[in-house]
N, C-alpha and C. Protein backbone atom coordinates (compact mmCIF):
# COMPACT_ATOMS: atom_id res chain seq x y z
N MET A 1 96.30 168.33 -6.64
CA MET A 1 97.66 168.84 -6.49
C MET A 1 98.29 169.07 -7.85
N ALA A 2 99.15 170.02 -7.89
CA ALA A 2 99.86 170.32 -9.14
C ALA A 2 100.94 169.28 -9.38
N GLU A 3 101.15 168.98 -10.65
CA GLU A 3 102.18 168.01 -10.99
C GLU A 3 103.56 168.62 -10.81
N ARG A 4 104.48 167.80 -10.42
CA ARG A 4 105.86 168.26 -10.26
C ARG A 4 106.58 168.23 -11.59
N ARG A 5 107.66 169.00 -11.65
CA ARG A 5 108.47 169.02 -12.86
C ARG A 5 109.11 167.66 -13.08
N LYS A 6 109.21 167.29 -14.34
CA LYS A 6 109.84 166.02 -14.68
C LYS A 6 111.20 166.23 -15.32
N PHE A 7 111.70 167.45 -15.22
CA PHE A 7 113.01 167.76 -15.77
C PHE A 7 113.81 168.54 -14.74
N ALA A 8 115.11 168.52 -14.93
CA ALA A 8 116.00 169.18 -13.98
C ALA A 8 115.94 170.70 -14.15
N LYS A 9 116.12 171.41 -13.07
CA LYS A 9 116.13 172.88 -13.12
C LYS A 9 117.39 173.33 -13.84
N LYS A 10 117.24 174.32 -14.71
CA LYS A 10 118.37 174.83 -15.46
C LYS A 10 119.23 175.71 -14.56
N TYR A 11 120.52 175.64 -14.78
CA TYR A 11 121.45 176.46 -14.01
C TYR A 11 122.54 176.96 -14.95
N CYS A 12 123.20 178.00 -14.53
CA CYS A 12 124.26 178.61 -15.34
C CYS A 12 125.55 177.80 -15.16
N LYS A 13 126.01 177.19 -16.22
CA LYS A 13 127.22 176.37 -16.16
C LYS A 13 128.47 177.23 -15.94
N TYR A 14 128.42 178.46 -16.42
CA TYR A 14 129.56 179.35 -16.27
C TYR A 14 129.68 179.85 -14.83
N SER A 15 128.54 180.07 -14.18
CA SER A 15 128.57 180.45 -12.76
C SER A 15 129.09 179.31 -11.91
N ALA A 16 128.71 178.08 -12.28
CA ALA A 16 129.18 176.92 -11.54
C ALA A 16 130.69 176.75 -11.67
N MET A 17 131.24 177.14 -12.83
CA MET A 17 132.69 177.06 -13.05
C MET A 17 133.43 178.22 -12.39
N LYS A 18 132.68 179.22 -11.93
CA LYS A 18 133.24 180.40 -11.25
C LYS A 18 134.24 181.14 -12.14
N LEU A 19 133.80 181.43 -13.35
CA LEU A 19 134.65 182.17 -14.29
C LEU A 19 134.46 183.67 -14.09
N ASP A 20 135.55 184.41 -14.26
CA ASP A 20 135.47 185.87 -14.22
C ASP A 20 135.15 186.44 -15.59
N PHE A 21 135.74 185.82 -16.61
CA PHE A 21 135.62 186.34 -17.96
C PHE A 21 135.64 185.17 -18.94
N ILE A 22 134.82 185.22 -19.96
CA ILE A 22 134.80 184.18 -20.98
C ILE A 22 135.66 184.65 -22.14
N ASP A 23 136.73 183.92 -22.42
CA ASP A 23 137.70 184.31 -23.43
C ASP A 23 137.30 183.73 -24.79
N TYR A 24 137.46 184.52 -25.84
CA TYR A 24 137.08 184.07 -27.17
C TYR A 24 138.03 183.00 -27.71
N LYS A 25 139.22 182.87 -27.13
CA LYS A 25 140.19 181.90 -27.63
C LYS A 25 139.92 180.48 -27.14
N ASP A 26 139.06 180.32 -26.16
CA ASP A 26 138.73 179.00 -25.61
C ASP A 26 137.50 178.45 -26.33
N ALA A 27 137.72 177.79 -27.46
CA ALA A 27 136.62 177.31 -28.29
C ALA A 27 135.82 176.20 -27.62
N ASP A 28 136.47 175.37 -26.81
CA ASP A 28 135.75 174.30 -26.13
C ASP A 28 134.74 174.85 -25.14
N LEU A 29 135.09 175.92 -24.49
CA LEU A 29 134.18 176.56 -23.54
C LEU A 29 133.01 177.22 -24.26
N LEU A 30 133.26 177.77 -25.43
CA LEU A 30 132.20 178.43 -26.19
C LEU A 30 131.22 177.44 -26.79
N LYS A 31 131.65 176.23 -27.07
CA LYS A 31 130.79 175.24 -27.69
C LYS A 31 129.66 174.78 -26.77
N ILE A 32 129.76 175.08 -25.47
CA ILE A 32 128.68 174.77 -24.55
C ILE A 32 127.42 175.53 -24.95
N SER A 33 127.59 176.75 -25.42
CA SER A 33 126.45 177.62 -25.75
C SER A 33 126.19 177.71 -27.25
N MET A 34 126.70 176.76 -28.02
CA MET A 34 126.46 176.75 -29.45
C MET A 34 125.75 175.46 -29.86
N SER A 35 124.89 175.57 -30.87
CA SER A 35 124.22 174.38 -31.39
C SER A 35 125.18 173.63 -32.31
N GLU A 36 124.74 172.46 -32.78
CA GLU A 36 125.61 171.69 -33.68
C GLU A 36 125.76 172.36 -35.03
N ARG A 37 124.89 173.31 -35.33
CA ARG A 37 125.00 174.06 -36.58
C ARG A 37 125.80 175.34 -36.42
N GLY A 38 126.26 175.63 -35.21
CA GLY A 38 127.10 176.80 -34.97
C GLY A 38 126.36 178.04 -34.54
N LYS A 39 125.08 177.91 -34.21
CA LYS A 39 124.30 179.07 -33.77
C LYS A 39 124.43 179.26 -32.27
N ILE A 40 124.25 180.49 -31.83
CA ILE A 40 124.31 180.79 -30.40
C ILE A 40 122.98 180.38 -29.77
N MET A 41 123.05 179.55 -28.73
CA MET A 41 121.84 179.08 -28.06
C MET A 41 121.29 180.17 -27.15
N PRO A 42 119.97 180.33 -27.09
CA PRO A 42 119.38 181.37 -26.23
C PRO A 42 119.44 180.98 -24.75
N ARG A 43 119.27 181.98 -23.91
CA ARG A 43 119.32 181.79 -22.46
C ARG A 43 118.25 180.84 -21.98
N ARG A 44 117.08 180.89 -22.57
CA ARG A 44 115.97 180.06 -22.09
C ARG A 44 116.22 178.58 -22.30
N LEU A 45 117.10 178.24 -23.24
CA LEU A 45 117.43 176.82 -23.46
C LEU A 45 118.63 176.37 -22.65
N THR A 46 119.62 177.23 -22.49
CA THR A 46 120.84 176.83 -21.80
C THR A 46 120.80 177.09 -20.30
N GLY A 47 119.99 178.06 -19.87
CA GLY A 47 119.95 178.41 -18.45
C GLY A 47 121.07 179.34 -18.03
N THR A 48 121.78 179.90 -18.98
CA THR A 48 122.89 180.81 -18.69
C THR A 48 122.36 182.13 -18.14
N SER A 49 123.07 182.68 -17.17
CA SER A 49 122.66 183.96 -16.60
C SER A 49 122.91 185.08 -17.61
N LYS A 50 122.27 186.22 -17.36
CA LYS A 50 122.34 187.34 -18.30
C LYS A 50 123.77 187.84 -18.46
N ARG A 51 124.49 187.92 -17.36
CA ARG A 51 125.87 188.41 -17.39
C ARG A 51 126.75 187.54 -18.28
N TYR A 52 126.66 186.23 -18.09
CA TYR A 52 127.50 185.33 -18.88
C TYR A 52 127.00 185.18 -20.31
N GLN A 53 125.69 185.29 -20.54
CA GLN A 53 125.17 185.19 -21.89
C GLN A 53 125.71 186.32 -22.76
N GLU A 54 125.79 187.52 -22.20
CA GLU A 54 126.34 188.64 -22.95
C GLU A 54 127.82 188.42 -23.26
N GLN A 55 128.56 187.88 -22.29
CA GLN A 55 129.98 187.59 -22.53
C GLN A 55 130.15 186.49 -23.57
N VAL A 56 129.28 185.48 -23.53
CA VAL A 56 129.34 184.38 -24.49
C VAL A 56 129.07 184.90 -25.90
N GLU A 57 128.06 185.74 -26.04
CA GLU A 57 127.73 186.28 -27.36
C GLU A 57 128.90 187.06 -27.94
N ASN A 58 129.49 187.93 -27.14
CA ASN A 58 130.63 188.71 -27.62
C ASN A 58 131.82 187.82 -27.94
N ALA A 59 132.07 186.82 -27.11
CA ALA A 59 133.20 185.92 -27.34
C ALA A 59 133.01 185.10 -28.60
N ILE A 60 131.80 184.61 -28.83
CA ILE A 60 131.54 183.81 -30.04
C ILE A 60 131.68 184.68 -31.28
N LYS A 61 131.18 185.89 -31.23
CA LYS A 61 131.30 186.79 -32.38
C LYS A 61 132.76 187.13 -32.66
N ARG A 62 133.55 187.33 -31.62
CA ARG A 62 134.98 187.59 -31.81
C ARG A 62 135.69 186.36 -32.35
N ALA A 63 135.34 185.18 -31.84
CA ALA A 63 135.97 183.95 -32.31
C ALA A 63 135.62 183.68 -33.77
N ARG A 64 134.41 184.01 -34.17
CA ARG A 64 134.03 183.87 -35.58
C ARG A 64 134.85 184.82 -36.45
N HIS A 65 135.02 186.03 -35.97
CA HIS A 65 135.79 187.02 -36.74
C HIS A 65 137.25 186.60 -36.88
N MET A 66 137.79 185.96 -35.86
CA MET A 66 139.18 185.50 -35.89
C MET A 66 139.32 184.10 -36.52
N ALA A 67 138.21 183.55 -37.01
CA ALA A 67 138.16 182.23 -37.67
C ALA A 67 138.52 181.09 -36.73
N LEU A 68 138.23 181.22 -35.45
CA LEU A 68 138.42 180.13 -34.51
C LEU A 68 137.18 179.24 -34.44
N VAL A 69 136.04 179.84 -34.76
CA VAL A 69 134.76 179.14 -34.77
C VAL A 69 134.10 179.49 -36.10
N PRO A 70 133.51 178.51 -36.80
CA PRO A 70 132.92 178.83 -38.11
C PRO A 70 131.62 179.62 -37.99
N TYR A 71 131.33 180.42 -39.00
CA TYR A 71 130.05 181.13 -39.06
C TYR A 71 128.92 180.15 -39.32
N ILE A 72 129.14 179.25 -40.29
CA ILE A 72 128.14 178.25 -40.64
C ILE A 72 128.81 176.88 -40.70
N VAL A 73 128.00 175.85 -40.55
CA VAL A 73 128.49 174.48 -40.62
C VAL A 73 127.76 173.79 -41.76
N ASN A 74 128.48 173.03 -42.54
CA ASN A 74 127.89 172.31 -43.66
C ASN A 74 127.00 171.20 -43.11
N THR A 75 125.70 171.30 -43.32
CA THR A 75 124.77 170.32 -42.76
C THR A 75 124.87 168.97 -43.47
N ASN A 76 125.40 168.93 -44.68
CA ASN A 76 125.57 167.65 -45.37
C ASN A 76 126.58 166.79 -44.62
N ASP A 77 127.63 167.40 -44.10
CA ASP A 77 128.61 166.64 -43.33
C ASP A 77 128.00 166.11 -42.04
N LEU A 78 127.11 166.87 -41.43
CA LEU A 78 126.49 166.43 -40.19
C LEU A 78 125.60 165.21 -40.41
N THR A 79 124.77 165.23 -41.46
CA THR A 79 123.86 164.12 -41.67
C THR A 79 124.58 162.88 -42.16
N GLU A 80 125.59 163.07 -42.99
CA GLU A 80 126.33 161.90 -43.48
C GLU A 80 127.09 161.20 -42.37
N SER A 81 127.75 161.97 -41.52
CA SER A 81 128.53 161.34 -40.45
C SER A 81 127.63 160.73 -39.39
N ALA A 82 126.45 161.28 -39.20
CA ALA A 82 125.54 160.76 -38.18
C ALA A 82 124.91 159.44 -38.62
N TYR A 83 124.67 159.31 -39.90
CA TYR A 83 123.98 158.11 -40.37
C TYR A 83 124.82 157.18 -41.22
N SER A 84 126.08 157.45 -41.35
CA SER A 84 126.93 156.58 -42.15
C SER A 84 127.28 155.32 -41.36
N LYS A 85 127.41 154.23 -42.10
CA LYS A 85 127.73 152.94 -41.46
C LYS A 85 129.19 152.60 -41.74
N ARG A 86 130.06 153.20 -40.98
CA ARG A 86 131.50 152.96 -41.17
C ARG A 86 132.01 152.07 -40.11
């Protein structure tokens, strides 16, 4: 017999929220599809549907242009805060 999956099936979080449009001004919503370095996560990793992935890409690019979301993140700050003993 074939082995069963040991991980959960991916689903579109935006479809589950029943959104009509993804707005570039909602940075918290956009961070679902961004890595900790500020890159746009691909569909195969997030499970986002094609319709919402296109909206997310456009919204993130607009938010970057309006300086609501950074283009790049300083990785030194990420490693220091993750491993600092404060």
